[in-house]
Each structure stands twice: as C-alpha cells, then as structure tokens.
C-alpha cells in the first residue's frame, strides 16, 4: 500500500499521458467536427489525456497552430444530473464575456454520436497548476500572493449578478443556506453509523440560526488552487477550471 502523504502530487497530476483505453475518442470524427464548429481550426490533430483528477475526462488537443482542451461526459450510464459539461459550457461562456478568468469556450457538442458522449472545446491556457496546496518551493510572501489571488478571484466571481450576465436560469435562486444545511443533514443521516450527540445538537441548531439571505450569486462549488491556472511568473489567476459543481 502506498502512503498518500509520500506521493509527489505535482509530479503525479501535472501534464498529459496516452489516452486511457476506456476513454478513447474517434479522432477522425472529432477532427471533422472541429473543422465544422471551431473557428480557425486546422489539423492534423494529436490527442492526449490530462493526468489531473477531473471526474469528467479531459483531453489536450494539439494542432500545428493551436492548442485546445476538450471536456466530456464519461461514457456509459450516469446519474441524470452528474457530469454536466453542458452546464460548464454555459457558465464559462457567460463569464468569459465579462472578462472573468476562464478558458475561452469554442463550441459545445450535444450529439453523443461524435465521440460517444457530449463534450465541449475551449482554449488551452498556459500556466501553473499547484497540485500540492501547501505550495512547497515558494517563499512565504509568494504563497501569500497566490492565496490572495485565489480569494480575490472568488470575490470577483461573487460580484456578478447572474441575471445581468445571462445566467438567470442557471440554478436555484434564494434560500441558499437552508438548502445547504438540508442537503448536508440528509447526507450525514444517510451515512450515520452511530448517534453523536454533538451532531444531533448541531443539526437541531442550524435551521433556526441561518444568516440573513443576500442577493443571489454564482457559486463555483470547488474553488481549490488545483482548479486554477496561474501565470507562469506571477500570482495572477489566468483561468478557473472545473465548474461541474457550480
């Protein structure tokens, strides 16, 4: 058994590898679709799979003049609301139009017949992804700058009015805290092994102690450092990735 603490996360998850046989694409069909739907596309096309731990298989698409990223639903039978790459495409399209740091989206394919599941294509953004969130190798001031860039990006996201940027129908509006408490209470009860008095008191306390609701805003749902691409030479967020839980 491997000790998880001994894994070099930066080395393990950075870069690309050969495509997993379970997630192989029809390269010829993809090439033809790209030619029809991505402005400026010109093959030949080379496809590799990113090593990072996305639940939606993610691929690097390289041509002689450009680099793209493809996100797809995994093939097979899935839960109805899981792996919603079409929702990801919707939100990054709206945010890109506002100048928020996301990869430029190019096209969404809802035809499962092209590669076996729906997918979308966006620009590949060059930069750094920090897989070890302790940021080894950076000085304390450098770490502080990275963490502040992360929080500044989150604050900027929460500054957008979803209605104003075309996301009025993106998710449920209002009652956010109550919905979160209700969802996590159900999750806890479903996995409860034995009664814990402190948890019972907390579950009773929270519904009557919710903060006042504010205006509805977009929630990323998983805004970790390893879901961000930073500039190669400074603490600047170039792109926020993985909007599946937004």
C-alpha atoms as a PDB file:
ATOM      1  CA  UNK A   1       0.000   0.000   0.000  1.00  0.00           C
ATOM      2  CA  UNK A   2       1.300   3.459  -0.880  1.00  0.00           C
ATOM      3  CA  UNK A   3       1.321   6.159   1.785  1.00  0.00           C
ATOM      4  CA  UNK A   4      -0.692   9.037   0.269  1.00  0.00           C
ATOM      5  CA  UNK A   5       1.481  11.550   2.098  1.00  0.00           C
ATOM      6  CA  UNK A   6       4.533  10.271   0.203  1.00  0.00           C
ATOM      7  CA  UNK A   7       3.052  10.962  -3.249  1.00  0.00           C
ATOM      8  CA  UNK A   8       4.522  13.896  -5.148  1.00  0.00           C
ATOM      9  CA  UNK A   9       1.200  15.408  -6.213  1.00  0.00           C
ATOM     10  CA  UNK A  10       2.833  17.918  -8.548  1.00  0.00           C
ATOM     11  CA  UNK A  11       4.583  15.173 -10.499  1.00  0.00           C
ATOM     12  CA  UNK A  12       1.660  12.735 -10.329  1.00  0.00           C
ATOM     13  CA  UNK A  13      -1.022  15.048 -11.674  1.00  0.00           C
ATOM     14  CA  UNK A  14       0.798  17.510 -13.943  1.00  0.00           C
ATOM     15  CA  UNK A  15       0.882  17.137 -17.709  1.00  0.00           C
ATOM     16  CA  UNK A  16      -0.660  14.582 -20.043  1.00  0.00           C
ATOM     17  CA  UNK A  17      -0.445  10.885 -20.879  1.00  0.00           C
ATOM     18  CA  UNK A  18      -1.665   8.498 -23.534  1.00  0.00           C
ATOM     19  CA  UNK A  19      -5.439   8.322 -23.629  1.00  0.00           C
ATOM     20  CA  UNK A  20      -6.910   5.704 -21.282  1.00  0.00           C
ATOM     21  CA  UNK A  21      -8.374   2.905 -23.448  1.00  0.00           C
ATOM     22  CA  UNK A  22     -11.708   3.326 -21.628  1.00  0.00           C
ATOM     23  CA  UNK A  23     -11.925   6.933 -22.812  1.00  0.00           C
ATOM     24  CA  UNK A  24     -10.551   6.739 -26.346  1.00  0.00           C
ATOM     25  CA  UNK A  25     -12.050   9.109 -28.882  1.00  0.00           C
ATOM     26  CA  UNK A  26     -12.801   8.725 -32.553  1.00  0.00           C
ATOM     27  CA  UNK A  27     -10.042  11.097 -33.647  1.00  0.00           C
ATOM     28  CA  UNK A  28     -11.282  11.285 -37.242  1.00  0.00           C
ATOM     29  CA  UNK A  29     -14.834  12.124 -36.181  1.00  0.00           C
ATOM     30  CA  UNK A  30     -13.538  14.720 -33.720  1.00  0.00           C
ATOM     31  CA  UNK A  31     -11.295  16.263 -36.387  1.00  0.00           C
ATOM     32  CA  UNK A  32     -14.256  16.624 -38.747  1.00  0.00           C
ATOM     33  CA  UNK A  33     -16.440  18.132 -36.024  1.00  0.00           C
ATOM     34  CA  UNK A  34     -13.716  20.612 -35.041  1.00  0.00           C
ATOM     35  CA  UNK A  35     -13.332  21.715 -38.658  1.00  0.00           C
ATOM     36  CA  UNK A  36     -17.070  22.449 -38.819  1.00  0.00           C
ATOM     37  CA  UNK A  37     -17.516  24.112 -35.406  1.00  0.00           C
ATOM     38  CA  UNK A  38     -14.249  25.697 -34.182  1.00  0.00           C
ATOM     39  CA  UNK A  39     -13.299  28.903 -35.971  1.00  0.00           C
ATOM     40  CA  UNK A  40      -9.739  28.799 -37.298  1.00  0.00           C
ATOM     41  CA  UNK A  41      -9.260  25.084 -36.634  1.00  0.00           C
ATOM     42  CA  UNK A  42      -6.829  23.264 -38.900  1.00  0.00           C
ATOM     43  CA  UNK A  43      -5.487  19.742 -38.348  1.00  0.00           C
ATOM     44  CA  UNK A  44      -3.791  17.347 -38.159  1.00  0.00           C
ATOM     45  CA  UNK A  45      -4.937  16.651 -34.616  1.00  0.00           C
ATOM     46  CA  UNK A  46      -2.992  14.997 -31.764  1.00  0.00           C
ATOM     47  CA  UNK A  47      -4.994  13.905 -28.707  1.00  0.00           C
ATOM     48  CA  UNK A  48      -3.648  13.236 -25.214  1.00  0.00           C
ATOM     49  CA  UNK A  49      -5.397  12.923 -21.846  1.00  0.00           C
ATOM     50  CA  UNK A  50      -4.619  15.116 -18.841  1.00  0.00           C
ATOM     51  CA  UNK A  51      -3.370  13.245 -15.777  1.00  0.00           C
ATOM     52  CA  UNK A  52      -5.155  15.508 -13.286  1.00  0.00           C
ATOM     53  CA  UNK A  53      -8.055  14.147 -11.277  1.00  0.00           C
ATOM     54  CA  UNK A  54     -11.098  15.513 -13.065  1.00  0.00           C
ATOM     55  CA  UNK A  55     -14.293  13.458 -12.855  1.00  0.00           C
ATOM     56  CA  UNK A  56     -15.009  14.447 -16.448  1.00  0.00           C
ATOM     57  CA  UNK A  57     -12.289  13.045 -18.750  1.00  0.00           C
ATOM     58  CA  UNK A  58     -10.270  15.980 -20.096  1.00  0.00           C
ATOM     59  CA  UNK A  59      -8.056  15.955 -23.180  1.00  0.00           C
ATOM     60  CA  UNK A  60      -5.351  18.094 -24.733  1.00  0.00           C
ATOM     61  CA  UNK A  61      -5.948  18.697 -28.439  1.00  0.00           C
ATOM     62  CA  UNK A  62      -2.834  19.847 -30.300  1.00  0.00           C
ATOM     63  CA  UNK A  63      -2.677  21.105 -33.876  1.00  0.00           C
ATOM     64  CA  UNK A  64       0.245  22.729 -35.732  1.00  0.00           C
ATOM     65  CA  UNK A  65      -1.048  26.212 -34.881  1.00  0.00           C
ATOM     66  CA  UNK A  66      -3.191  25.952 -31.736  1.00  0.00           C
ATOM     67  CA  UNK A  67      -3.875  24.017 -28.534  1.00  0.00           C
ATOM     68  CA  UNK A  68      -7.328  23.240 -27.159  1.00  0.00           C
ATOM     69  CA  UNK A  69      -8.883  21.365 -24.253  1.00  0.00           C
ATOM     70  CA  UNK A  70     -11.856  19.007 -24.558  1.00  0.00           C
ATOM     71  CA  UNK A  71     -14.091  18.143 -21.589  1.00  0.00           C
ATOM     72  CA  UNK A  72     -16.548  15.288 -21.991  1.00  0.00           C
ATOM     73  CA  UNK A  73     -19.054  13.301 -20.019  1.00  0.00           C
ATOM     74  CA  UNK A  74     -17.698   9.833 -19.237  1.00  0.00           C
ATOM     75  CA  UNK A  75     -19.247   7.180 -21.452  1.00  0.00           C
ATOM     76  CA  UNK A  76     -21.839   4.809 -20.029  1.00  0.00           C
ATOM     77  CA  UNK A  77     -24.889   5.110 -17.778  1.00  0.00           C
ATOM     78  CA  UNK A  78     -24.664   8.054 -15.356  1.00  0.00           C
ATOM     79  CA  UNK A  79     -26.832   9.773 -12.780  1.00  0.00           C
ATOM     80  CA  UNK A  80     -29.127  12.267 -14.569  1.00  0.00           C
ATOM     81  CA  UNK A  81     -27.523  15.412 -13.079  1.00  0.00           C
ATOM     82  CA  UNK A  82     -23.920  14.188 -12.953  1.00  0.00           C
ATOM     83  CA  UNK A  83     -21.023  15.331 -15.148  1.00  0.00           C
ATOM     84  CA  UNK A  84     -22.988  18.209 -16.639  1.00  0.00           C
ATOM     85  CA  UNK A  85     -20.435  19.540 -19.095  1.00  0.00           C
ATOM     86  CA  UNK A  86     -23.189  21.452 -20.889  1.00  0.00           C
ATOM     87  CA  UNK A  87     -23.722  23.488 -17.707  1.00  0.00           C
ATOM     88  CA  UNK A  88     -19.966  24.080 -17.504  1.00  0.00           C
ATOM     89  CA  UNK A  89     -20.010  25.421 -21.034  1.00  0.00           C
ATOM     90  CA  UNK A  90     -22.950  27.697 -20.231  1.00  0.00           C
ATOM     91  CA  UNK A  91     -21.307  29.286 -17.203  1.00  0.00           C
ATOM     92  CA  UNK A  92     -17.834  29.771 -18.684  1.00  0.00           C
ATOM     93  CA  UNK A  93     -19.381  31.286 -21.818  1.00  0.00           C
ATOM     94  CA  UNK A  94     -21.205  33.859 -19.688  1.00  0.00           C
ATOM     95  CA  UNK A  95     -18.154  34.591 -17.535  1.00  0.00           C
ATOM     96  CA  UNK A  96     -15.768  34.835 -20.475  1.00  0.00           C
ATOM     97  CA  UNK A  97     -17.986  37.569 -21.914  1.00  0.00           C
ATOM     98  CA  UNK A  98     -17.408  39.541 -18.691  1.00  0.00           C
ATOM     99  CA  UNK A  99     -13.617  39.169 -18.803  1.00  0.00           C
ATOM    100  CA  UNK A 100     -13.529  36.760 -15.861  1.00  0.00           C
ATOM    101  CA  UNK A 101     -10.545  34.380 -15.985  1.00  0.00           C
ATOM    102  CA  UNK A 102     -11.842  31.244 -17.690  1.00  0.00           C
ATOM    103  CA  UNK A 103     -10.608  29.431 -20.781  1.00  0.00           C
ATOM    104  CA  UNK A 104     -12.175  30.811 -23.952  1.00  0.00           C
ATOM    105  CA  UNK A 105     -15.005  28.424 -24.937  1.00  0.00           C
ATOM    106  CA  UNK A 106     -15.305  27.486 -28.615  1.00  0.00           C
ATOM    107  CA  UNK A 107     -18.188  25.065 -29.111  1.00  0.00           C
ATOM    108  CA  UNK A 108     -20.484  22.589 -27.356  1.00  0.00           C
ATOM    109  CA  UNK A 109     -21.446  19.254 -28.927  1.00  0.00           C
ATOM    110  CA  UNK A 110     -24.687  17.653 -27.722  1.00  0.00           C
ATOM    111  CA  UNK A 111     -24.509  14.880 -30.327  1.00  0.00           C
ATOM    112  CA  UNK A 112     -23.312  11.768 -28.488  1.00  0.00           C
ATOM    113  CA  UNK A 113     -22.637  10.098 -31.814  1.00  0.00           C
ATOM    114  CA  UNK A 114     -19.457  12.102 -32.461  1.00  0.00           C
ATOM    115  CA  UNK A 115     -17.242  10.679 -29.682  1.00  0.00           C
ATOM    116  CA  UNK A 116     -19.713   8.706 -27.534  1.00  0.00           C
ATOM    117  CA  UNK A 117     -20.831  11.437 -25.117  1.00  0.00           C
ATOM    118  CA  UNK A 118     -21.473  15.172 -25.097  1.00  0.00           C
ATOM    119  CA  UNK A 119     -18.442  17.474 -24.837  1.00  0.00           C
ATOM    120  CA  UNK A 120     -17.171  20.989 -25.290  1.00  0.00           C
ATOM    121  CA  UNK A 121     -13.947  22.529 -26.544  1.00  0.00           C
ATOM    122  CA  UNK A 122     -12.124  25.531 -25.082  1.00  0.00           C
ATOM    123  CA  UNK A 123      -8.705  27.139 -25.369  1.00  0.00           C
ATOM    124  CA  UNK A 124      -5.763  25.608 -23.569  1.00  0.00           C
ATOM    125  CA  UNK A 125      -4.470  28.164 -21.051  1.00  0.00           C
ATOM    126  CA  UNK A 126      -0.753  28.029 -20.317  1.00  0.00           C
ATOM    127  CA  UNK A 127       0.438  28.491 -16.760  1.00  0.00           C
ATOM    128  CA  UNK A 128       0.934  26.801 -13.407  1.00  0.00           C
ATOM    129  CA  UNK A 129      -1.410  24.467 -11.544  1.00  0.00           C
ATOM    130  CA  UNK A 130      -0.460  23.892  -7.905  1.00  0.00           C
ATOM    131  CA  UNK A 131      -1.448  20.336  -7.049  1.00  0.00           C
ATOM    132  CA  UNK A 132       0.184  20.457  -3.595  1.00  0.00           C
ATOM    133  CA  UNK A 133      -1.838  23.133  -1.801  1.00  0.00           C
ATOM    134  CA  UNK A 134       0.946  23.708   0.745  1.00  0.00           C
ATOM    135  CA  UNK A 135       2.928  25.276  -2.139  1.00  0.00           C
ATOM    136  CA  UNK A 136       6.331  23.763  -1.408  1.00  0.00           C
ATOM    137  CA  UNK A 137       9.150  25.615  -3.121  1.00  0.00           C
ATOM    138  CA  UNK A 138       7.524  29.030  -2.752  1.00  0.00           C
ATOM    139  CA  UNK A 139       8.595  31.598  -0.179  1.00  0.00           C
ATOM    140  CA  UNK A 140       6.058  32.814   2.418  1.00  0.00           C
ATOM    141  CA  UNK A 141       5.466  36.097   0.511  1.00  0.00           C
ATOM    142  CA  UNK A 142       4.985  34.134  -2.732  1.00  0.00           C
ATOM    143  CA  UNK A 143       2.483  31.822  -1.016  1.00  0.00           C
ATOM    144  CA  UNK A 144       0.598  34.787   0.403  1.00  0.00           C
ATOM    145  CA  UNK A 145       0.357  36.341  -3.066  1.00  0.00           C
ATOM    146  CA  UNK A 146      -1.045  33.107  -4.533  1.00  0.00           C
ATOM    147  CA  UNK A 147      -3.631  32.700  -1.766  1.00  0.00           C
ATOM    148  CA  UNK A 148      -4.672  36.353  -2.121  1.00  0.00           C
ATOM    149  CA  UNK A 149      -5.056  35.903  -5.881  1.00  0.00           C
ATOM    150  CA  UNK A 150      -7.360  32.971  -5.168  1.00  0.00           C
ATOM    151  CA  UNK A 151      -9.545  34.919  -2.733  1.00  0.00           C
ATOM    152  CA  UNK A 152      -9.608  37.991  -4.990  1.00  0.00           C
ATOM    153  CA  UNK A 153     -10.841  35.784  -7.844  1.00  0.00           C
ATOM    154  CA  UNK A 154     -13.571  34.333  -5.632  1.00  0.00           C
ATOM    155  CA  UNK A 155     -14.651  37.823  -4.594  1.00  0.00           C
ATOM    156  CA  UNK A 156     -14.772  38.911  -8.224  1.00  0.00           C
ATOM    157  CA  UNK A 157     -16.946  35.926  -9.130  1.00  0.00           C
ATOM    158  CA  UNK A 158     -19.394  36.788  -6.359  1.00  0.00           C
ATOM    159  CA  UNK A 159     -19.635  40.327  -7.693  1.00  0.00           C
ATOM    160  CA  UNK A 160     -21.549  39.249 -10.793  1.00  0.00           C
ATOM    161  CA  UNK A 161     -25.327  39.421 -10.871  1.00  0.00           C
ATOM    162  CA  UNK A 162     -26.348  36.162 -12.604  1.00  0.00           C
ATOM    163  CA  UNK A 163     -29.395  37.775 -14.198  1.00  0.00           C
ATOM    164  CA  UNK A 164     -27.316  40.608 -15.641  1.00  0.00           C
ATOM    165  CA  UNK A 165     -24.851  38.265 -17.343  1.00  0.00           C
ATOM    166  CA  UNK A 166     -27.386  35.849 -18.822  1.00  0.00           C
ATOM    167  CA  UNK A 167     -27.446  33.174 -16.103  1.00  0.00           C
ATOM    168  CA  UNK A 168     -30.905  33.809 -14.663  1.00  0.00           C
ATOM    169  CA  UNK A 169     -31.874  30.154 -15.255  1.00  0.00           C
ATOM    170  CA  UNK A 170     -28.519  28.621 -14.310  1.00  0.00           C
ATOM    171  CA  UNK A 171     -29.501  27.395 -10.855  1.00  0.00           C
ATOM    172  CA  UNK A 172     -31.902  27.830  -7.972  1.00  0.00           C
ATOM    173  CA  UNK A 173     -32.018  31.364  -6.582  1.00  0.00           C
ATOM    174  CA  UNK A 174     -32.605  32.131  -2.915  1.00  0.00           C
ATOM    175  CA  UNK A 175     -32.832  30.001   0.233  1.00  0.00           C
ATOM    176  CA  UNK A 176     -29.175  29.017  -0.282  1.00  0.00           C
ATOM    177  CA  UNK A 177     -28.167  28.431   3.347  1.00  0.00           C
ATOM    178  CA  UNK A 178     -31.271  26.409   4.172  1.00  0.00           C
ATOM    179  CA  UNK A 179     -30.746  24.241   1.096  1.00  0.00           C
ATOM    180  CA  UNK A 180     -27.117  23.608   2.056  1.00  0.00           C
ATOM    181  CA  UNK A 181     -27.974  22.687   5.640  1.00  0.00           C
ATOM    182  CA  UNK A 182     -30.799  20.432   4.482  1.00  0.00           C
ATOM    183  CA  UNK A 183     -28.641  18.665   1.905  1.00  0.00           C
ATOM    184  CA  UNK A 184     -25.730  18.026   4.258  1.00  0.00           C
ATOM    185  CA  UNK A 185     -28.055  16.877   7.033  1.00  0.00           C
ATOM    186  CA  UNK A 186     -29.557  14.277   4.686  1.00  0.00           C
ATOM    187  CA  UNK A 187     -26.073  13.190   3.597  1.00  0.00           C
ATOM    188  CA  UNK A 188     -24.985  12.824   7.216  1.00  0.00           C
ATOM    189  CA  UNK A 189     -28.066  10.869   8.237  1.00  0.00           C
ATOM    190  CA  UNK A 190     -27.694   8.561   5.232  1.00  0.00           C
ATOM    191  CA  UNK A 191     -24.117   7.669   6.249  1.00  0.00           C
ATOM    192  CA  UNK A 192     -24.541   7.771  10.044  1.00  0.00           C
ATOM    193  CA  UNK A 193     -23.098   4.741  11.831  1.00  0.00           C
ATOM    194  CA  UNK A 194     -23.858   5.662  15.437  1.00  0.00           C
ATOM    195  CA  UNK A 195     -25.559   8.523  17.227  1.00  0.00           C
ATOM    196  CA  UNK A 196     -23.305  11.502  18.034  1.00  0.00           C
ATOM    197  CA  UNK A 197     -24.986  13.855  20.484  1.00  0.00           C
ATOM    198  CA  UNK A 198     -22.978  16.892  19.391  1.00  0.00           C
ATOM    199  CA  UNK A 199     -24.049  16.377  15.770  1.00  0.00           C
ATOM    200  CA  UNK A 200     -27.676  15.980  16.791  1.00  0.00           C
ATOM    201  CA  UNK A 201     -27.480  19.305  18.635  1.00  0.00           C
ATOM    202  CA  UNK A 202     -25.819  20.980  15.653  1.00  0.00           C
ATOM    203  CA  UNK A 203     -28.447  19.638  13.229  1.00  0.00           C
ATOM    204  CA  UNK A 204     -31.179  20.980  15.503  1.00  0.00           C
ATOM    205  CA  UNK A 205     -29.425  24.350  15.926  1.00  0.00           C
ATOM    206  CA  UNK A 206     -28.553  25.244  12.347  1.00  0.00           C
ATOM    207  CA  UNK A 207     -32.008  25.594  10.703  1.00  0.00           C
ATOM    208  CA  UNK A 208     -33.002  28.236  13.285  1.00  0.00           C
ATOM    209  CA  UNK A 209     -29.663  30.059  13.124  1.00  0.00           C
ATOM    210  CA  UNK A 210     -29.148  30.757   9.422  1.00  0.00           C
ATOM    211  CA  UNK A 211     -27.656  34.090   8.344  1.00  0.00           C
ATOM    212  CA  UNK A 212     -29.793  36.592   6.508  1.00  0.00           C
ATOM    213  CA  UNK A 213     -30.100  35.954   2.779  1.00  0.00           C
ATOM    214  CA  UNK A 214     -28.311  38.322   0.413  1.00  0.00           C
ATOM    215  CA  UNK A 215     -28.537  38.711  -3.342  1.00  0.00           C
ATOM    216  CA  UNK A 216     -28.089  35.535  -5.397  1.00  0.00           C
ATOM    217  CA  UNK A 217     -24.610  34.989  -6.775  1.00  0.00           C
ATOM    218  CA  UNK A 218     -22.698  32.309  -8.701  1.00  0.00           C
ATOM    219  CA  UNK A 219     -21.046  29.616  -6.567  1.00  0.00           C
ATOM    220  CA  UNK A 220     -18.182  27.627  -8.093  1.00  0.00           C
ATOM    221  CA  UNK A 221     -18.583  24.796  -5.591  1.00  0.00           C
ATOM    222  CA  UNK A 222     -14.984  23.550  -5.666  1.00  0.00           C
ATOM    223  CA  UNK A 223     -12.705  26.594  -5.829  1.00  0.00           C
ATOM    224  CA  UNK A 224      -9.419  24.963  -4.832  1.00  0.00           C
ATOM    225  CA  UNK A 225      -5.999  26.074  -6.009  1.00  0.00           C
ATOM    226  CA  UNK A 226      -5.687  22.980  -8.180  1.00  0.00           C
ATOM    227  CA  UNK A 227      -8.761  24.146 -10.088  1.00  0.00           C
ATOM    228  CA  UNK A 228      -6.960  27.325 -11.112  1.00  0.00           C
ATOM    229  CA  UNK A 229      -4.256  28.095 -13.653  1.00  0.00           C
ATOM    230  CA  UNK A 230      -1.867  30.821 -12.556  1.00  0.00           C
ATOM    231  CA  UNK A 231       0.503  32.816 -14.732  1.00  0.00           C
ATOM    232  CA  UNK A 232       3.955  31.224 -15.094  1.00  0.00           C
ATOM    233  CA  UNK A 233       5.794  34.091 -13.420  1.00  0.00           C
ATOM    234  CA  UNK A 234       3.393  35.838 -11.044  1.00  0.00           C
ATOM    235  CA  UNK A 235       0.396  35.343  -8.776  1.00  0.00           C
ATOM    236  CA  UNK A 236      -2.256  36.061 -11.389  1.00  0.00           C
ATOM    237  CA  UNK A 237      -5.171  33.712 -12.000  1.00  0.00           C
ATOM    238  CA  UNK A 238      -5.390  33.013 -15.735  1.00  0.00           C
ATOM    239  CA  UNK A 239      -8.296  30.553 -15.648  1.00  0.00           C
ATOM    240  CA  UNK A 240     -10.667  28.915 -13.183  1.00  0.00           C
ATOM    241  CA  UNK A 241     -11.393  25.293 -14.138  1.00  0.00           C
ATOM    242  CA  UNK A 242     -13.886  22.524 -13.322  1.00  0.00           C
ATOM    243  CA  UNK A 243     -17.305  24.175 -12.998  1.00  0.00           C
ATOM    244  CA  UNK A 244     -19.145  20.859 -12.611  1.00  0.00           C
ATOM    245  CA  UNK A 245     -20.420  21.690  -9.097  1.00  0.00           C
ATOM    246  CA  UNK A 246     -21.260  25.332  -9.802  1.00  0.00           C
END
